[in-house]
């Protein structure tokens, strides 16, 4: 859902597959303290889950 939302709004993003990328998994754990997807980082803010309203607010959509 996050990918579709970002694409529909022409927002560039970097996808990391934490199931196969150990470094990405460690990064996620460092940011959130848990293993949860989706994890979205916008600037210094980290959002766990698809919080459309918060993502929109941070992106100015």
N, C-alpha and C. Protein backbone atom coordinates (compact mmCIF):
# COMPACT_ATOMS: atom_id res chain seq x y z
N UNK A 1 0.81 -1.19 0.00
CA UNK A 1 0.00 0.00 0.00
C UNK A 1 0.86 1.26 0.00
N UNK A 2 1.96 1.25 0.77
CA UNK A 2 2.83 2.43 0.81
C UNK A 2 3.43 2.69 -0.57
N UNK A 3 3.92 1.64 -1.21
CA UNK A 3 4.54 1.80 -2.53
C UNK A 3 3.54 2.38 -3.52
N UNK A 4 2.33 1.86 -3.52
CA UNK A 4 1.32 2.34 -4.44
C UNK A 4 0.98 3.81 -4.16
N UNK A 5 0.85 4.14 -2.89
CA UNK A 5 0.54 5.52 -2.51
C UNK A 5 1.63 6.48 -2.97
N UNK A 6 2.87 6.12 -2.71
CA UNK A 6 3.98 6.98 -3.12
C UNK A 6 4.05 7.11 -4.64
N UNK A 7 3.88 6.00 -5.34
CA UNK A 7 3.91 6.03 -6.81
C UNK A 7 2.79 6.89 -7.38
N UNK A 8 1.58 6.74 -6.83
CA UNK A 8 0.44 7.52 -7.30
C UNK A 8 0.66 9.02 -7.12
N UNK A 9 1.48 9.38 -6.13
CA UNK A 9 1.74 10.78 -5.85
C UNK A 9 3.09 11.24 -6.38
N UNK A 10 3.67 10.42 -7.27
CA UNK A 10 4.95 10.74 -7.92
C UNK A 10 6.06 11.07 -6.92
N UNK A 11 6.12 10.28 -5.85
CA UNK A 11 7.15 10.45 -4.82
C UNK A 11 8.20 9.37 -5.03
N UNK A 12 9.44 9.79 -5.22
CA UNK A 12 10.54 8.83 -5.36
C UNK A 12 10.81 8.20 -4.00
N UNK A 13 11.13 6.91 -4.00
CA UNK A 13 11.42 6.23 -2.74
C UNK A 13 12.45 5.13 -2.99
N UNK A 14 13.08 4.72 -1.92
CA UNK A 14 14.04 3.62 -1.98
C UNK A 14 13.44 2.46 -1.20
N UNK A 15 13.29 1.33 -1.86
CA UNK A 15 12.75 0.14 -1.22
C UNK A 15 13.89 -0.76 -0.76
N UNK A 16 13.78 -1.24 0.46
CA UNK A 16 14.77 -2.18 0.99
C UNK A 16 14.03 -3.43 1.45
N UNK A 17 14.52 -4.58 1.01
CA UNK A 17 13.89 -5.85 1.36
C UNK A 17 14.59 -6.42 2.59
N UNK A 18 14.00 -6.22 3.75
CA UNK A 18 14.63 -6.66 4.99
C UNK A 18 14.63 -8.17 5.15
N UNK A 19 13.87 -8.87 4.33
CA UNK A 19 13.86 -10.33 4.38
C UNK A 19 15.15 -10.92 3.83
N UNK A 20 15.80 -10.20 2.92
CA UNK A 20 17.02 -10.73 2.30
C UNK A 20 18.24 -9.83 2.50
N UNK A 21 18.03 -8.60 2.93
CA UNK A 21 19.12 -7.64 3.09
C UNK A 21 19.40 -7.44 4.58
N UNK A 22 20.46 -8.09 5.06
CA UNK A 22 20.79 -8.06 6.49
C UNK A 22 21.07 -6.63 6.97
N UNK A 23 21.79 -5.86 6.18
CA UNK A 23 22.11 -4.48 6.57
C UNK A 23 20.83 -3.65 6.70
N UNK A 24 19.89 -3.84 5.78
CA UNK A 24 18.62 -3.11 5.83
C UNK A 24 17.83 -3.51 7.07
N UNK A 25 17.86 -4.80 7.40
CA UNK A 25 17.16 -5.29 8.58
C UNK A 25 17.75 -4.66 9.85
N UNK A 26 19.08 -4.60 9.92
CA UNK A 26 19.74 -4.00 11.08
C UNK A 26 19.42 -2.50 11.17
N UNK A 27 19.37 -1.84 10.02
CA UNK A 27 19.01 -0.42 10.00
C UNK A 27 17.60 -0.22 10.55
N UNK A 28 16.66 -1.06 10.12
CA UNK A 28 15.28 -0.97 10.59
C UNK A 28 15.21 -1.20 12.10
N UNK A 29 15.91 -2.20 12.58
CA UNK A 29 15.92 -2.49 14.01
C UNK A 29 16.51 -1.32 14.80
N UNK A 30 17.54 -0.70 14.25
CA UNK A 30 18.14 0.45 14.91
C UNK A 30 17.20 1.65 14.97
N UNK A 31 16.39 1.80 13.93
CA UNK A 31 15.45 2.93 13.87
C UNK A 31 14.22 2.72 14.74
N UNK A 32 13.73 1.48 14.77
CA UNK A 32 12.44 1.23 15.42
C UNK A 32 12.52 0.34 16.65
N UNK A 33 13.60 -0.41 16.78
CA UNK A 33 13.70 -1.34 17.90
C UNK A 33 12.90 -2.61 17.69
N UNK A 34 12.34 -2.76 16.51
CA UNK A 34 11.55 -3.96 16.22
C UNK A 34 11.57 -4.26 14.73
N UNK A 35 11.13 -5.44 14.41
CA UNK A 35 11.05 -5.86 13.02
C UNK A 35 9.60 -5.72 12.57
N UNK A 36 9.32 -4.65 11.83
CA UNK A 36 7.96 -4.40 11.39
C UNK A 36 7.99 -3.72 10.03
N UNK A 37 7.14 -4.20 9.14
CA UNK A 37 7.05 -3.60 7.82
C UNK A 37 5.60 -3.20 7.56
N UNK A 38 5.38 -2.14 6.82
CA UNK A 38 6.40 -1.26 6.28
C UNK A 38 6.94 -0.32 7.35
N UNK A 39 8.19 0.04 7.19
CA UNK A 39 8.81 1.09 7.99
C UNK A 39 9.21 2.17 7.00
N UNK A 40 8.74 3.37 7.24
CA UNK A 40 8.96 4.49 6.32
C UNK A 40 9.75 5.56 7.06
N UNK A 41 10.83 6.04 6.44
CA UNK A 41 11.63 7.12 7.02
C UNK A 41 11.54 8.32 6.09
N UNK A 42 11.04 9.42 6.63
CA UNK A 42 10.93 10.67 5.88
C UNK A 42 11.66 11.72 6.71
N UNK A 43 12.79 12.17 6.20
CA UNK A 43 13.62 13.08 6.99
C UNK A 43 14.11 12.35 8.23
N UNK A 44 13.87 12.93 9.38
CA UNK A 44 14.27 12.31 10.64
C UNK A 44 13.14 11.51 11.27
N UNK A 45 11.98 11.50 10.66
CA UNK A 45 10.81 10.83 11.23
C UNK A 45 10.69 9.41 10.69
N UNK A 46 10.39 8.48 11.59
CA UNK A 46 10.20 7.08 11.23
C UNK A 46 8.76 6.70 11.53
N UNK A 47 8.10 6.10 10.54
CA UNK A 47 6.71 5.69 10.67
C UNK A 47 6.65 4.18 10.47
N UNK A 48 6.07 3.48 11.42
CA UNK A 48 5.89 2.03 11.29
C UNK A 48 4.44 1.80 10.92
N UNK A 49 4.23 1.12 9.80
CA UNK A 49 2.88 0.90 9.30
C UNK A 49 2.53 1.95 8.26
N UNK A 50 1.40 1.77 7.62
CA UNK A 50 0.96 2.70 6.58
C UNK A 50 0.05 3.74 7.20
N UNK A 51 0.63 4.84 7.63
CA UNK A 51 -0.11 5.96 8.20
C UNK A 51 -0.22 7.02 7.10
N UNK A 52 -1.24 6.87 6.28
CA UNK A 52 -1.41 7.73 5.10
C UNK A 52 -1.45 9.21 5.48
N UNK A 53 -2.16 9.54 6.54
CA UNK A 53 -2.28 10.94 6.94
C UNK A 53 -0.93 11.52 7.34
N UNK A 54 -0.16 10.78 8.12
CA UNK A 54 1.15 11.29 8.58
C UNK A 54 2.14 11.38 7.42
N UNK A 55 2.14 10.37 6.55
CA UNK A 55 3.03 10.39 5.39
C UNK A 55 2.67 11.58 4.50
N UNK A 56 1.40 11.80 4.27
CA UNK A 56 0.95 12.94 3.46
C UNK A 56 1.38 14.25 4.08
N UNK A 57 1.23 14.36 5.38
CA UNK A 57 1.61 15.59 6.08
C UNK A 57 3.11 15.85 5.93
N UNK A 58 3.93 14.83 6.16
CA UNK A 58 5.38 15.00 6.07
C UNK A 58 5.85 15.33 4.66
N UNK A 59 5.13 14.80 3.67
CA UNK A 59 5.51 15.04 2.27
C UNK A 59 4.85 16.29 1.70
N UNK A 60 3.95 16.89 2.45
CA UNK A 60 3.26 18.09 1.97
C UNK A 60 2.26 17.79 0.87
N UNK A 61 1.62 16.63 0.94
CA UNK A 61 0.64 16.25 -0.09
C UNK A 61 -0.77 16.67 0.31
